[in-house]
Amino acid sequence: MLKELQKDGEISEDDSFKGQKQVQDLTDEYIQRLDDIFAEKEKEILEI
């Protein structure tokens, strides 16, 4: 979506890259949260 906006001239290249970085940072954060949840669940299952 950001690349389409950039291609259409609605946002600058810098704004596109900033937006992509923000999306990637959020993705990485939530992947880490999920990894933590899975590790905790795995630990709980192994204790039973």
PDB file of N, CA and C in Angstrom:
ATOM      1  N   MET A   1       0.813  -1.185   0.000  1.00  0.00           N
ATOM      2  CA  MET A   1       0.000   0.000   0.000  1.00  0.00           C
ATOM      3  C   MET A   1       0.861   1.256   0.000  1.00  0.00           C
ATOM      4  N   LEU A   2       1.897   1.278   0.828  1.00  0.00           N
ATOM      5  CA  LEU A   2       2.768   2.453   0.873  1.00  0.00           C
ATOM      6  C   LEU A   2       3.489   2.643  -0.457  1.00  0.00           C
ATOM      7  N   LYS A   3       3.916   1.546  -1.060  1.00  0.00           N
ATOM      8  CA  LYS A   3       4.613   1.651  -2.344  1.00  0.00           C
ATOM      9  C   LYS A   3       3.671   2.163  -3.433  1.00  0.00           C
ATOM     10  N   GLU A   4       2.401   1.768  -3.357  1.00  0.00           N
ATOM     11  CA  GLU A   4       1.422   2.263  -4.324  1.00  0.00           C
ATOM     12  C   GLU A   4       1.218   3.768  -4.160  1.00  0.00           C
ATOM     13  N   LEU A   5       1.133   4.211  -2.902  1.00  0.00           N
ATOM     14  CA  LEU A   5       0.976   5.647  -2.652  1.00  0.00           C
ATOM     15  C   LEU A   5       2.192   6.417  -3.158  1.00  0.00           C
ATOM     16  N   GLN A   6       3.368   5.848  -2.964  1.00  0.00           N
ATOM     17  CA  GLN A   6       4.593   6.486  -3.437  1.00  0.00           C
ATOM     18  C   GLN A   6       4.588   6.537  -4.958  1.00  0.00           C
ATOM     19  N   LYS A   7       4.222   5.426  -5.567  1.00  0.00           N
ATOM     20  CA  LYS A   7       4.197   5.349  -7.036  1.00  0.00           C
ATOM     21  C   LYS A   7       3.224   6.374  -7.618  1.00  0.00           C
ATOM     22  N   ASP A   8       2.087   6.557  -6.952  1.00  0.00           N
ATOM     23  CA  ASP A   8       1.085   7.508  -7.412  1.00  0.00           C
ATOM     24  C   ASP A   8       1.451   8.958  -7.073  1.00  0.00           C
ATOM     25  N   GLY A   9       2.529   9.142  -6.333  1.00  0.00           N
ATOM     26  CA  GLY A   9       2.983  10.485  -5.986  1.00  0.00           C
ATOM     27  C   GLY A   9       2.259  11.101  -4.808  1.00  0.00           C
ATOM     28  N   GLU A  10       1.518  10.283  -4.080  1.00  0.00           N
ATOM     29  CA  GLU A  10       0.763  10.814  -2.943  1.00  0.00           C
ATOM     30  C   GLU A  10       1.630  10.975  -1.697  1.00  0.00           C
ATOM     31  N   ILE A  11       2.713  10.214  -1.597  1.00  0.00           N
ATOM     32  CA  ILE A  11       3.663  10.368  -0.491  1.00  0.00           C
ATOM     33  C   ILE A  11       5.075  10.324  -1.062  1.00  0.00           C
ATOM     34  N   SER A  12       6.007  10.902  -0.328  1.00  0.00           N
ATOM     35  CA  SER A  12       7.392  10.920  -0.792  1.00  0.00           C
ATOM     36  C   SER A  12       8.064   9.580  -0.529  1.00  0.00           C
ATOM     37  N   GLU A  13       9.215   9.385  -1.140  1.00  0.00           N
ATOM     38  CA  GLU A  13       9.985   8.158  -0.934  1.00  0.00           C
ATOM     39  C   GLU A  13      10.397   8.030   0.531  1.00  0.00           C
ATOM     40  N   ASP A  14      10.796   9.149   1.139  1.00  0.00           N
ATOM     41  CA  ASP A  14      11.185   9.133   2.555  1.00  0.00           C
ATOM     42  C   ASP A  14      10.028   8.697   3.446  1.00  0.00           C
ATOM     43  N   ASP A  15       8.840   9.244   3.176  1.00  0.00           N
ATOM     44  CA  ASP A  15       7.665   8.865   3.965  1.00  0.00           C
ATOM     45  C   ASP A  15       7.331   7.393   3.778  1.00  0.00           C
ATOM     46  N   SER A  16       7.506   6.913   2.568  1.00  0.00           N
ATOM     47  CA  SER A  16       7.246   5.497   2.290  1.00  0.00           C
ATOM     48  C   SER A  16       8.189   4.617   3.103  1.00  0.00           C
ATOM     49  N   PHE A  17       9.469   4.957   3.111  1.00  0.00           N
ATOM     50  CA  PHE A  17      10.440   4.167   3.866  1.00  0.00           C
ATOM     51  C   PHE A  17      10.185   4.252   5.369  1.00  0.00           C
ATOM     52  N   LYS A  18       9.813   5.436   5.857  1.00  0.00           N
ATOM     53  CA  LYS A  18       9.498   5.585   7.285  1.00  0.00           C
ATOM     54  C   LYS A  18       8.296   4.716   7.654  1.00  0.00           C
ATOM     55  N   GLY A  19       7.278   4.738   6.812  1.00  0.00           N
ATOM     56  CA  GLY A  19       6.093   3.919   7.053  1.00  0.00           C
ATOM     57  C   GLY A  19       6.414   2.440   7.029  1.00  0.00           C
ATOM     58  N   GLN A  20       7.231   2.023   6.075  1.00  0.00           N
ATOM     59  CA  GLN A  20       7.622   0.615   5.993  1.00  0.00           C
ATOM     60  C   GLN A  20       8.401   0.194   7.232  1.00  0.00           C
ATOM     61  N   LYS A  21       9.271   1.084   7.717  1.00  0.00           N
ATOM     62  CA  LYS A  21      10.039   0.778   8.924  1.00  0.00           C
ATOM     63  C   LYS A  21       9.114   0.647  10.130  1.00  0.00           C
ATOM     64  N   GLN A  22       8.112   1.524  10.238  1.00  0.00           N
ATOM     65  CA  GLN A  22       7.167   1.446  11.349  1.00  0.00           C
ATOM     66  C   GLN A  22       6.385   0.139  11.309  1.00  0.00           C
ATOM     67  N   VAL A  23       5.952  -0.252  10.135  1.00  0.00           N
ATOM     68  CA  VAL A  23       5.220  -1.510   9.988  1.00  0.00           C
ATOM     69  C   VAL A  23       6.114  -2.681  10.378  1.00  0.00           C
ATOM     70  N   GLN A  24       7.372  -2.665   9.931  1.00  0.00           N
ATOM     71  CA  GLN A  24       8.294  -3.746  10.256  1.00  0.00           C
ATOM     72  C   GLN A  24       8.579  -3.799  11.755  1.00  0.00           C
ATOM     73  N   ASP A  25       8.745  -2.634  12.374  1.00  0.00           N
ATOM     74  CA  ASP A  25       8.996  -2.587  13.822  1.00  0.00           C
ATOM     75  C   ASP A  25       7.816  -3.163  14.602  1.00  0.00           C
ATOM     76  N   LEU A  26       6.595  -2.812  14.205  1.00  0.00           N
ATOM     77  CA  LEU A  26       5.409  -3.360  14.872  1.00  0.00           C
ATOM     78  C   LEU A  26       5.312  -4.869  14.666  1.00  0.00           C
ATOM     79  N   THR A  27       5.596  -5.306  13.451  1.00  0.00           N
ATOM     80  CA  THR A  27       5.568  -6.741  13.155  1.00  0.00           C
ATOM     81  C   THR A  27       6.567  -7.481  14.028  1.00  0.00           C
ATOM     82  N   ASP A  28       7.774  -6.959  14.116  1.00  0.00           N
ATOM     83  CA  ASP A  28       8.812  -7.588  14.935  1.00  0.00           C
ATOM     84  C   ASP A  28       8.407  -7.631  16.405  1.00  0.00           C
ATOM     85  N   GLU A  29       7.804  -6.553  16.888  1.00  0.00           N
ATOM     86  CA  GLU A  29       7.370  -6.493  18.290  1.00  0.00           C
ATOM     87  C   GLU A  29       6.326  -7.577  18.582  1.00  0.00           C
ATOM     88  N   TYR A  30       5.350  -7.709  17.709  1.00  0.00           N
ATOM     89  CA  TYR A  30       4.287  -8.680  17.960  1.00  0.00           C
ATOM     90  C   TYR A  30       4.765 -10.119  17.758  1.00  0.00           C
ATOM     91  N   ILE A  31       5.710 -10.322  16.859  1.00  0.00           N
ATOM     92  CA  ILE A  31       6.303 -11.653  16.717  1.00  0.00           C
ATOM     93  C   ILE A  31       7.025 -12.030  18.000  1.00  0.00           C
ATOM     94  N   GLN A  32       7.741 -11.085  18.598  1.00  0.00           N
ATOM     95  CA  GLN A  32       8.439 -11.349  19.857  1.00  0.00           C
ATOM     96  C   GLN A  32       7.447 -11.660  20.967  1.00  0.00           C
ATOM     97  N   ARG A  33       6.350 -10.916  21.012  1.00  0.00           N
ATOM     98  CA  ARG A  33       5.318 -11.190  22.029  1.00  0.00           C
ATOM     99  C   ARG A  33       4.760 -12.600  21.867  1.00  0.00           C
ATOM    100  N   LEU A  34       4.477 -12.985  20.628  1.00  0.00           N
ATOM    101  CA  LEU A  34       3.963 -14.335  20.375  1.00  0.00           C
ATOM    102  C   LEU A  34       4.980 -15.397  20.762  1.00  0.00           C
ATOM    103  N   ASP A  35       6.248 -15.169  20.428  1.00  0.00           N
ATOM    104  CA  ASP A  35       7.295 -16.123  20.813  1.00  0.00           C
ATOM    105  C   ASP A  35       7.345 -16.297  22.327  1.00  0.00           C
ATOM    106  N   ASP A  36       7.203 -15.192  23.059  1.00  0.00           N
ATOM    107  CA  ASP A  36       7.210 -15.259  24.524  1.00  0.00           C
ATOM    108  C   ASP A  36       6.009 -16.053  25.043  1.00  0.00           C
ATOM    109  N   ILE A  37       4.843 -15.811  24.456  1.00  0.00           N
ATOM    110  CA  ILE A  37       3.632 -16.527  24.869  1.00  0.00           C
ATOM    111  C   ILE A  37       3.786 -18.022  24.589  1.00  0.00           C
ATOM    112  N   PHE A  38       4.282 -18.362  23.397  1.00  0.00           N
ATOM    113  CA  PHE A  38       4.465 -19.765  23.046  1.00  0.00           C
ATOM    114  C   PHE A  38       5.465 -20.453  23.962  1.00  0.00           C
ATOM    115  N   ALA A  39       6.537 -19.767  24.300  1.00  0.00           N
ATOM    116  CA  ALA A  39       7.546 -20.340  25.191  1.00  0.00           C
ATOM    117  C   ALA A  39       6.946 -20.606  26.570  1.00  0.00           C
ATOM    118  N   GLU A  40       6.144 -19.679  27.056  1.00  0.00           N
ATOM    119  CA  GLU A  40       5.507 -19.855  28.364  1.00  0.00           C
ATOM    120  C   GLU A  40       4.520 -21.019  28.337  1.00  0.00           C
ATOM    121  N   LYS A  41       3.738 -21.115  27.262  1.00  0.00           N
ATOM    122  CA  LYS A  41       2.770 -22.225  27.138  1.00  0.00           C
ATOM    123  C   LYS A  41       3.492 -23.563  27.045  1.00  0.00           C
ATOM    124  N   GLU A  42       4.578 -23.591  26.296  1.00  0.00           N
ATOM    125  CA  GLU A  42       5.352 -24.817  26.164  1.00  0.00           C
ATOM    126  C   GLU A  42       5.894 -25.239  27.531  1.00  0.00           C
ATOM    127  N   LYS A  43       6.355 -24.278  28.300  1.00  0.00           N
ATOM    128  CA  LYS A  43       6.858 -24.549  29.639  1.00  0.00           C
ATOM    129  C   LYS A  43       5.746 -25.117  30.519  1.00  0.00           C
ATOM    130  N   GLU A  44       4.540 -24.529  30.436  1.00  0.00           N
ATOM    131  CA  GLU A  44       3.405 -25.015  31.221  1.00  0.00           C
ATOM    132  C   GLU A  44       3.046 -26.443  30.829  1.00  0.00           C
ATOM    133  N   ILE A  45       3.028 -26.722  29.557  1.00  0.00           N
ATOM    134  CA  ILE A  45       2.658 -28.062  29.071  1.00  0.00           C
ATOM    135  C   ILE A  45       3.668 -29.113  29.531  1.00  0.00           C
ATOM    136  N   LEU A  46       4.937 -28.766  29.491  1.00  0.00           N
ATOM    137  CA  LEU A  46       5.987 -29.705  29.865  1.00  0.00           C
ATOM    138  C   LEU A  46       5.984 -29.984  31.373  1.00  0.00           C
ATOM    139  N   GLU A  47       5.439 -29.068  32.178  1.00  0.00           N
ATOM    140  CA  GLU A  47       5.389 -29.242  33.624  1.00  0.00           C
ATOM    141  C   GLU A  47       4.293 -30.227  34.031  1.00  0.00           C
ATOM    142  N   ILE A  48       3.298 -30.391  33.215  1.00  0.00           N
ATOM    143  CA  ILE A  48       2.144 -31.229  33.555  1.00  0.00           C
ATOM    144  C   ILE A  48       2.468 -32.669  33.463  1.00  0.00           C
TER     145      ILE A  48
END
